[in-house]
Amino acid sequence: MYASFYVSIAGYLLGLSLAAPPGPVNAIIMNESSKSAFHGASVGAGAMTADAIFLVVLYFVKDSIPHWIFKYLYIVGAAYMLFLATSVLRAKMPSRSQRGNYLVGISVGITNPFQIVWWVTVGLFLIEKLTFISVLFFFLGIATWITVFPITVYRFGRDYTNVVKFVSFSVLVAFSALMIFYALQYFFPFHGF
């Protein structure tokens, strides 16, 4: 009984550890939540679907992921984040509908190297300790975040729409720059001091 309780808590906290930190997905959720909580939550639901895809794929191919693929993922991810950053600033996201926001959430999740790195590191821990209850609570942790965060932004951030847009833009540009830095590290390894 105690073991299943701790496994549940661990799964829930792992879900929050993936969903809550500032990053590209949360920047888009924040921007879209200024329209409505449902717009933001639909982005989060798309990203959560990407997590479910990663979970299934990694479960079956966890031992055969080539390391060199990451440099290309960082480049693709950086380009996509810059595209989203300019979309946020122009206030013309790739979609204005909740269904479209769901697809944006999936595409951000699938192309976000940091989300991929989370899955091949921390996510592998979840897969190794895989039980139905841990996976259930893992996704419950994500669902909590993608519900509470958009509602909070919608209720308290609508009066600060320009600030929300600027913060979203800044986070996306910063993550894009970080991805480019990591990609360059793959192509031109730098050994520090």
C-alpha atoms as a PDB file:
ATOM      1  CA  MET A   1       0.000   0.000   0.000  1.00  0.00           C
ATOM      2  CA  TYR A   2       2.768   2.460   0.945  1.00  0.00           C
ATOM      3  CA  ALA A   3       4.727   1.492  -2.179  1.00  0.00           C
ATOM      4  CA  SER A   4       1.821   2.354  -4.491  1.00  0.00           C
ATOM      5  CA  PHE A   5       1.340   5.664  -2.642  1.00  0.00           C
ATOM      6  CA  TYR A   6       4.988   6.634  -3.183  1.00  0.00           C
ATOM      7  CA  VAL A   7       4.897   5.480  -6.809  1.00  0.00           C
ATOM      8  CA  SER A   8       1.797   7.650  -7.331  1.00  0.00           C
ATOM      9  CA  ILE A   9       3.434  10.709  -5.759  1.00  0.00           C
ATOM     10  CA  ALA A  10       6.641  10.132  -7.741  1.00  0.00           C
ATOM     11  CA  GLY A  11       4.670   9.862 -11.003  1.00  0.00           C
ATOM     12  CA  TYR A  12       2.717  13.038 -10.217  1.00  0.00           C
ATOM     13  CA  LEU A  13       5.878  14.995  -9.386  1.00  0.00           C
ATOM     14  CA  LEU A  14       7.600  13.742 -12.542  1.00  0.00           C
ATOM     15  CA  GLY A  15       4.631  14.997 -14.555  1.00  0.00           C
ATOM     16  CA  LEU A  16       4.940  18.424 -12.944  1.00  0.00           C
ATOM     17  CA  SER A  17       8.729  18.386 -13.481  1.00  0.00           C
ATOM     18  CA  LEU A  18       8.124  18.084 -17.205  1.00  0.00           C
ATOM     19  CA  ALA A  19       5.148  20.446 -17.531  1.00  0.00           C
ATOM     20  CA  ALA A  20       5.846  23.303 -15.109  1.00  0.00           C
ATOM     21  CA  PRO A  21       9.361  24.656 -15.867  1.00  0.00           C
ATOM     22  CA  PRO A  22       9.492  27.745 -18.098  1.00  0.00           C
ATOM     23  CA  GLY A  23      10.005  26.821 -21.711  1.00  0.00           C
ATOM     24  CA  PRO A  24       8.588  27.031 -25.220  1.00  0.00           C
ATOM     25  CA  VAL A  25       5.360  25.151 -24.473  1.00  0.00           C
ATOM     26  CA  ASN A  26       4.565  27.294 -21.435  1.00  0.00           C
ATOM     27  CA  ALA A  27       5.394  30.444 -23.403  1.00  0.00           C
ATOM     28  CA  ILE A  28       2.813  29.497 -26.038  1.00  0.00           C
ATOM     29  CA  ILE A  29       0.299  28.436 -23.365  1.00  0.00           C
ATOM     30  CA  MET A  30       0.760  31.806 -21.649  1.00  0.00           C
ATOM     31  CA  ASN A  31       0.312  33.730 -24.888  1.00  0.00           C
ATOM     32  CA  GLU A  32      -2.780  31.795 -25.955  1.00  0.00           C
ATOM     33  CA  SER A  33      -4.310  31.904 -22.457  1.00  0.00           C
ATOM     34  CA  SER A  34      -4.613  35.668 -22.796  1.00  0.00           C
ATOM     35  CA  LYS A  35      -7.401  34.891 -25.328  1.00  0.00           C
ATOM     36  CA  SER A  36      -9.090  32.216 -23.213  1.00  0.00           C
ATOM     37  CA  ALA A  37      -8.143  29.480 -20.764  1.00  0.00           C
ATOM     38  CA  PHE A  38      -9.322  26.908 -23.327  1.00  0.00           C
ATOM     39  CA  HIS A  39      -6.921  28.244 -25.972  1.00  0.00           C
ATOM     40  CA  GLY A  40      -4.017  27.819 -23.557  1.00  0.00           C
ATOM     41  CA  ALA A  41      -5.191  24.438 -22.294  1.00  0.00           C
ATOM     42  CA  SER A  42      -5.517  23.128 -25.856  1.00  0.00           C
ATOM     43  CA  VAL A  43      -1.829  23.930 -26.472  1.00  0.00           C
ATOM     44  CA  GLY A  44      -1.013  22.060 -23.264  1.00  0.00           C
ATOM     45  CA  ALA A  45      -3.182  19.108 -24.310  1.00  0.00           C
ATOM     46  CA  GLY A  46      -1.274  18.936 -27.587  1.00  0.00           C
ATOM     47  CA  ALA A  47       2.048  18.940 -25.745  1.00  0.00           C
ATOM     48  CA  MET A  48       0.741  16.233 -23.405  1.00  0.00           C
ATOM     49  CA  THR A  49      -0.157  14.143 -26.464  1.00  0.00           C
ATOM     50  CA  ALA A  50       3.439  14.577 -27.643  1.00  0.00           C
ATOM     51  CA  ASP A  51       4.540  13.248 -24.239  1.00  0.00           C
ATOM     52  CA  ALA A  52       2.296  10.203 -24.659  1.00  0.00           C
ATOM     53  CA  ILE A  53       3.887   9.593 -28.077  1.00  0.00           C
ATOM     54  CA  PHE A  54       7.382   9.876 -26.560  1.00  0.00           C
ATOM     55  CA  LEU A  55       6.425   7.461 -23.794  1.00  0.00           C
ATOM     56  CA  VAL A  56       5.228   4.801 -26.225  1.00  0.00           C
ATOM     57  CA  VAL A  57       8.092   5.242 -28.697  1.00  0.00           C
ATOM     58  CA  LEU A  58      10.790   5.241 -26.007  1.00  0.00           C
ATOM     59  CA  TYR A  59       9.282   2.198 -24.374  1.00  0.00           C
ATOM     60  CA  PHE A  60       9.933   0.221 -27.557  1.00  0.00           C
ATOM     61  CA  VAL A  61      13.166   1.831 -28.877  1.00  0.00           C
ATOM     62  CA  LYS A  62      14.934   3.045 -25.735  1.00  0.00           C
ATOM     63  CA  ASP A  63      18.135   1.111 -26.458  1.00  0.00           C
ATOM     64  CA  SER A  64      18.549   2.083 -30.101  1.00  0.00           C
ATOM     65  CA  ILE A  65      18.430   5.922 -30.197  1.00  0.00           C
ATOM     66  CA  PRO A  66      21.441   7.257 -32.123  1.00  0.00           C
ATOM     67  CA  HIS A  67      23.153  10.107 -30.276  1.00  0.00           C
ATOM     68  CA  TRP A  68      24.058  12.074 -33.431  1.00  0.00           C
ATOM     69  CA  ILE A  69      20.400  12.801 -34.174  1.00  0.00           C
ATOM     70  CA  PHE A  70      20.254  15.423 -31.421  1.00  0.00           C
ATOM     71  CA  LYS A  71      22.272  18.034 -33.320  1.00  0.00           C
ATOM     72  CA  TYR A  72      19.643  18.057 -36.062  1.00  0.00           C
ATOM     73  CA  LEU A  73      16.805  18.125 -33.557  1.00  0.00           C
ATOM     74  CA  TYR A  74      18.329  21.224 -31.957  1.00  0.00           C
ATOM     75  CA  ILE A  75      18.527  23.012 -35.329  1.00  0.00           C
ATOM     76  CA  VAL A  76      14.935  22.143 -36.310  1.00  0.00           C
ATOM     77  CA  GLY A  77      13.707  23.037 -32.812  1.00  0.00           C
ATOM     78  CA  ALA A  78      15.540  26.385 -32.834  1.00  0.00           C
ATOM     79  CA  ALA A  79      14.067  27.350 -36.213  1.00  0.00           C
ATOM     80  CA  TYR A  80      10.561  26.424 -35.073  1.00  0.00           C
ATOM     81  CA  MET A  81      10.922  28.386 -31.806  1.00  0.00           C
ATOM     82  CA  LEU A  82      12.019  31.492 -33.753  1.00  0.00           C
ATOM     83  CA  PHE A  83       8.987  31.116 -36.023  1.00  0.00           C
ATOM     84  CA  LEU A  84       6.693  30.900 -32.992  1.00  0.00           C
ATOM     85  CA  ALA A  85       8.447  33.863 -31.327  1.00  0.00           C
ATOM     86  CA  THR A  86       7.787  36.105 -34.340  1.00  0.00           C
ATOM     87  CA  SER A  87       4.204  34.801 -34.460  1.00  0.00           C
ATOM     88  CA  VAL A  88       3.687  35.773 -30.819  1.00  0.00           C
ATOM     89  CA  LEU A  89       5.099  39.256 -31.388  1.00  0.00           C
ATOM     90  CA  ARG A  90       2.908  39.836 -34.448  1.00  0.00           C
ATOM     91  CA  ALA A  91      -0.067  38.444 -32.489  1.00  0.00           C
ATOM     92  CA  LYS A  92      -0.739  36.026 -35.338  1.00  0.00           C
ATOM     93  CA  MET A  93      -0.181  32.532 -34.063  1.00  0.00           C
ATOM     94  CA  PRO A  94      -0.181  29.725 -36.656  1.00  0.00           C
ATOM     95  CA  SER A  95      -3.775  29.057 -35.601  1.00  0.00           C
ATOM     96  CA  ARG A  96      -6.516  31.039 -33.908  1.00  0.00           C
ATOM     97  CA  SER A  97      -8.696  28.030 -33.102  1.00  0.00           C
ATOM     98  CA  GLN A  98      -8.493  25.698 -30.118  1.00  0.00           C
ATOM     99  CA  ARG A  99      -8.126  22.722 -32.460  1.00  0.00           C
ATOM    100  CA  GLY A 100      -5.276  24.485 -34.236  1.00  0.00           C
ATOM    101  CA  ASN A 101      -3.701  25.308 -30.879  1.00  0.00           C
ATOM    102  CA  TYR A 102      -3.797  21.607 -30.039  1.00  0.00           C
ATOM    103  CA  LEU A 103      -1.782  20.903 -33.216  1.00  0.00           C
ATOM    104  CA  VAL A 104       0.637  23.709 -32.319  1.00  0.00           C
ATOM    105  CA  GLY A 105       1.078  22.050 -28.902  1.00  0.00           C
ATOM    106  CA  ILE A 106       1.886  18.683 -30.493  1.00  0.00           C
ATOM    107  CA  SER A 107       4.334  20.241 -32.955  1.00  0.00           C
ATOM    108  CA  VAL A 108       6.120  22.236 -30.227  1.00  0.00           C
ATOM    109  CA  GLY A 109       6.324  19.125 -28.044  1.00  0.00           C
ATOM    110  CA  ILE A 110       7.622  16.882 -30.827  1.00  0.00           C
ATOM    111  CA  THR A 111      10.247  19.381 -32.064  1.00  0.00           C
ATOM    112  CA  ASN A 112      11.407  20.635 -28.652  1.00  0.00           C
ATOM    113  CA  PRO A 113      14.837  19.072 -28.016  1.00  0.00           C
ATOM    114  CA  PHE A 114      14.591  19.863 -24.297  1.00  0.00           C
ATOM    115  CA  GLN A 115      11.404  17.832 -24.065  1.00  0.00           C
ATOM    116  CA  ILE A 116      13.125  15.015 -25.989  1.00  0.00           C
ATOM    117  CA  VAL A 117      16.178  15.182 -23.715  1.00  0.00           C
ATOM    118  CA  TRP A 118      13.862  15.039 -20.679  1.00  0.00           C
ATOM    119  CA  TRP A 119      12.343  11.853 -22.077  1.00  0.00           C
ATOM    120  CA  VAL A 120      15.650  10.122 -22.830  1.00  0.00           C
ATOM    121  CA  THR A 121      16.940  10.979 -19.348  1.00  0.00           C
ATOM    122  CA  VAL A 122      14.280  11.419 -16.654  1.00  0.00           C
ATOM    123  CA  GLY A 123      11.618   9.768 -18.836  1.00  0.00           C
ATOM    124  CA  LEU A 124      13.647   6.582 -19.015  1.00  0.00           C
ATOM    125  CA  PHE A 125      13.428   6.406 -15.226  1.00  0.00           C
ATOM    126  CA  LEU A 126       9.642   6.511 -15.522  1.00  0.00           C
ATOM    127  CA  ILE A 127       9.726   3.795 -18.184  1.00  0.00           C
ATOM    128  CA  GLU A 128      12.019   1.548 -16.131  1.00  0.00           C
ATOM    129  CA  LYS A 129       9.732   1.853 -13.095  1.00  0.00           C
ATOM    130  CA  LEU A 130       6.660   1.661 -15.317  1.00  0.00           C
ATOM    131  CA  THR A 131       3.467   0.723 -13.578  1.00  0.00           C
ATOM    132  CA  PHE A 132      -0.037   1.693 -14.563  1.00  0.00           C
ATOM    133  CA  ILE A 133      -0.423   3.832 -11.451  1.00  0.00           C
ATOM    134  CA  SER A 134       2.850   5.743 -12.031  1.00  0.00           C
ATOM    135  CA  VAL A 135       1.913   6.535 -15.650  1.00  0.00           C
ATOM    136  CA  LEU A 136      -1.603   7.537 -14.629  1.00  0.00           C
ATOM    137  CA  PHE A 137      -0.322   9.957 -11.988  1.00  0.00           C
ATOM    138  CA  PHE A 138       2.408  11.208 -14.330  1.00  0.00           C
ATOM    139  CA  PHE A 139      -0.221  12.375 -16.820  1.00  0.00           C
ATOM    140  CA  LEU A 140      -2.401  13.634 -13.968  1.00  0.00           C
ATOM    141  CA  GLY A 141       0.510  15.915 -12.961  1.00  0.00           C
ATOM    142  CA  ILE A 142       0.750  17.267 -16.518  1.00  0.00           C
ATOM    143  CA  ALA A 143      -3.035  17.663 -16.743  1.00  0.00           C
ATOM    144  CA  THR A 144      -3.049  19.639 -13.484  1.00  0.00           C
ATOM    145  CA  TRP A 145      -0.484  22.087 -14.852  1.00  0.00           C
ATOM    146  CA  ILE A 146      -2.078  22.554 -18.290  1.00  0.00           C
ATOM    147  CA  THR A 147      -5.389  23.310 -16.594  1.00  0.00           C
ATOM    148  CA  VAL A 148      -4.327  25.517 -13.674  1.00  0.00           C
ATOM    149  CA  PHE A 149      -1.700  27.560 -15.553  1.00  0.00           C
ATOM    150  CA  PRO A 150      -4.014  28.748 -18.395  1.00  0.00           C
ATOM    151  CA  ILE A 151      -6.829  29.570 -15.959  1.00  0.00           C
ATOM    152  CA  THR A 152      -4.411  31.611 -13.826  1.00  0.00           C
ATOM    153  CA  VAL A 153      -3.022  33.501 -16.824  1.00  0.00           C
ATOM    154  CA  TYR A 154      -6.503  34.170 -18.207  1.00  0.00           C
ATOM    155  CA  ARG A 155      -7.828  35.463 -14.893  1.00  0.00           C
ATOM    156  CA  PHE A 156      -4.864  37.568 -13.851  1.00  0.00           C
ATOM    157  CA  GLY A 157      -2.905  38.222 -17.045  1.00  0.00           C
ATOM    158  CA  ARG A 158      -5.486  39.650 -19.444  1.00  0.00           C
ATOM    159  CA  ASP A 159      -4.772  43.197 -18.266  1.00  0.00           C
ATOM    160  CA  TYR A 160      -1.110  42.612 -19.077  1.00  0.00           C
ATOM    161  CA  THR A 161      -1.464  41.235 -22.619  1.00  0.00           C
ATOM    162  CA  ASN A 162       1.555  43.123 -23.960  1.00  0.00           C
ATOM    163  CA  VAL A 163       3.680  41.947 -21.027  1.00  0.00           C
ATOM    164  CA  VAL A 164       2.523  38.357 -21.609  1.00  0.00           C
ATOM    165  CA  LYS A 165       3.405  38.633 -25.294  1.00  0.00           C
ATOM    166  CA  PHE A 166       6.829  40.096 -24.515  1.00  0.00           C
ATOM    167  CA  VAL A 167       7.615  37.406 -21.925  1.00  0.00           C
ATOM    168  CA  SER A 168       6.424  34.662 -24.309  1.00  0.00           C
ATOM    169  CA  PHE A 169       8.526  36.124 -27.131  1.00  0.00           C
ATOM    170  CA  SER A 170      11.587  36.442 -24.877  1.00  0.00           C
ATOM    171  CA  VAL A 171      11.338  32.858 -23.598  1.00  0.00           C
ATOM    172  CA  LEU A 172      10.994  31.470 -27.124  1.00  0.00           C
ATOM    173  CA  VAL A 173      13.953  33.495 -28.430  1.00  0.00           C
ATOM    174  CA  ALA A 174      16.080  32.519 -25.418  1.00  0.00           C
ATOM    175  CA  PHE A 175      15.311  28.825 -25.911  1.00  0.00           C
ATOM    176  CA  SER A 176      15.997  29.127 -29.621  1.00  0.00           C
ATOM    177  CA  ALA A 177      19.402  30.682 -28.873  1.00  0.00           C
ATOM    178  CA  LEU A 178      20.138  27.937 -26.357  1.00  0.00           C
ATOM    179  CA  MET A 179      19.222  25.274 -28.913  1.00  0.00           C
ATOM    180  CA  ILE A 180      21.520  26.873 -31.483  1.00  0.00           C
ATOM    181  CA  PHE A 181      24.307  26.922 -28.882  1.00  0.00           C
ATOM    182  CA  TYR A 182      23.840  23.203 -28.188  1.00  0.00           C
ATOM    183  CA  ALA A 183      23.726  22.424 -31.914  1.00  0.00           C
ATOM    184  CA  LEU A 184      27.006  24.297 -32.397  1.00  0.00           C
ATOM    185  CA  GLN A 185      28.506  22.256 -29.561  1.00  0.00           C
ATOM    186  CA  TYR A 186      27.742  19.113 -31.575  1.00  0.00           C
ATOM    187  CA  PHE A 187      29.248  20.475 -34.777  1.00  0.00           C
ATOM    188  CA  PHE A 188      32.168  22.344 -33.179  1.00  0.00           C
ATOM    189  CA  PRO A 189      32.949  20.762 -29.804  1.00  0.00           C
ATOM    190  CA  PHE A 190      34.342  23.322 -27.374  1.00  0.00           C
ATOM    191  CA  HIS A 191      36.306  22.144 -24.396  1.00  0.00           C
ATOM    192  CA  GLY A 192      36.133  24.826 -21.740  1.00  0.00           C
ATOM    193  CA  PHE A 193      38.773  26.141 -19.467  1.00  0.00           C
END
